[in-house]
Protein backbone atom coordinates (compact mmCIF):
# COMPACT_ATOMS: atom_id res chain seq x y z
CA MET A 1 173.71 6.84 -148.25
CA GLU A 2 174.48 9.23 -151.09
CA ASP A 3 171.48 11.35 -150.07
CA ASP A 4 172.86 11.64 -146.53
CA SER A 5 176.27 12.71 -147.81
CA ILE A 6 174.66 15.46 -149.90
CA VAL A 7 172.75 16.70 -146.86
CA ILE A 8 175.94 16.68 -144.78
CA MET A 9 177.89 18.59 -147.42
CA LEU A 10 175.12 21.17 -147.72
CA ILE A 11 174.96 21.65 -143.95
CA GLN A 12 178.76 22.02 -143.82
CA GLN A 13 178.70 24.68 -146.56
CA TYR A 14 175.85 26.48 -144.83
CA ALA A 15 177.60 26.40 -141.43
CA ALA A 16 180.88 27.59 -142.99
CA LYS A 17 179.14 30.56 -144.60
CA PHE A 18 176.94 31.59 -141.67
CA GLY A 19 178.77 30.09 -138.69
CA ILE A 20 175.46 28.69 -137.46
CA THR A 21 173.05 25.86 -138.00
CA PHE A 22 169.44 25.45 -136.94
CA SER A 23 167.46 22.96 -134.92
CA SER A 24 168.03 19.32 -135.80
CA LYS A 25 164.24 18.89 -135.58
CA ALA A 26 164.22 20.02 -139.21
CA MET A 27 165.75 16.72 -140.29
CA GLU A 28 163.20 14.54 -138.49
CA ASP A 29 160.31 15.17 -140.88
CA GLU A 30 160.90 14.48 -144.59
CA ALA A 31 158.88 17.49 -145.82
CA THR A 32 160.64 19.85 -143.41
CA LYS A 33 163.99 18.33 -144.36
CA GLN A 34 163.33 19.02 -148.05
CA LYS A 35 162.28 22.61 -147.26
CA ALA A 36 165.40 23.09 -145.10
CA MET A 37 167.63 21.80 -147.88
CA GLN A 38 166.04 24.16 -150.41
CA LEU A 39 166.40 27.15 -148.09
CA MET A 40 170.01 26.22 -147.28
CA MET A 41 170.84 26.01 -150.99
CA GLU A 42 169.33 29.46 -151.51
CA ALA A 43 171.26 30.83 -148.53
CA VAL A 44 174.60 29.34 -149.62
CA SER A 45 174.10 30.75 -153.12
CA GLY A 46 173.38 34.23 -151.72
CA LYS A 47 169.68 34.36 -152.63
CA ARG A 48 168.62 34.72 -148.99
CA GLY A 49 169.97 35.07 -145.48
CA PRO A 50 170.30 32.42 -142.79
CA VAL A 51 167.52 29.87 -142.33
CA THR A 52 165.59 30.15 -139.10
CA ASP A 53 163.37 27.71 -137.25
CA GLU A 54 160.51 30.10 -138.07
CA ASP A 55 161.24 29.70 -141.80
CA LEU A 56 160.77 25.98 -141.33
CA GLY A 57 157.71 26.23 -139.08
CA ILE A 58 159.39 24.47 -136.17
């Protein structure tokens, strides 16, 4: 459950910063979920812009 709460907090921070989220399909596949989390962390920290479905290959 702790893992899910981390994901939720990250998504909330991302949505607060960008006002958007991306397709929930990203959370269905574990590898895509990990990539999405990494890209969201980079986006929240200012290292990149918003994450797109294209970034995730979905």
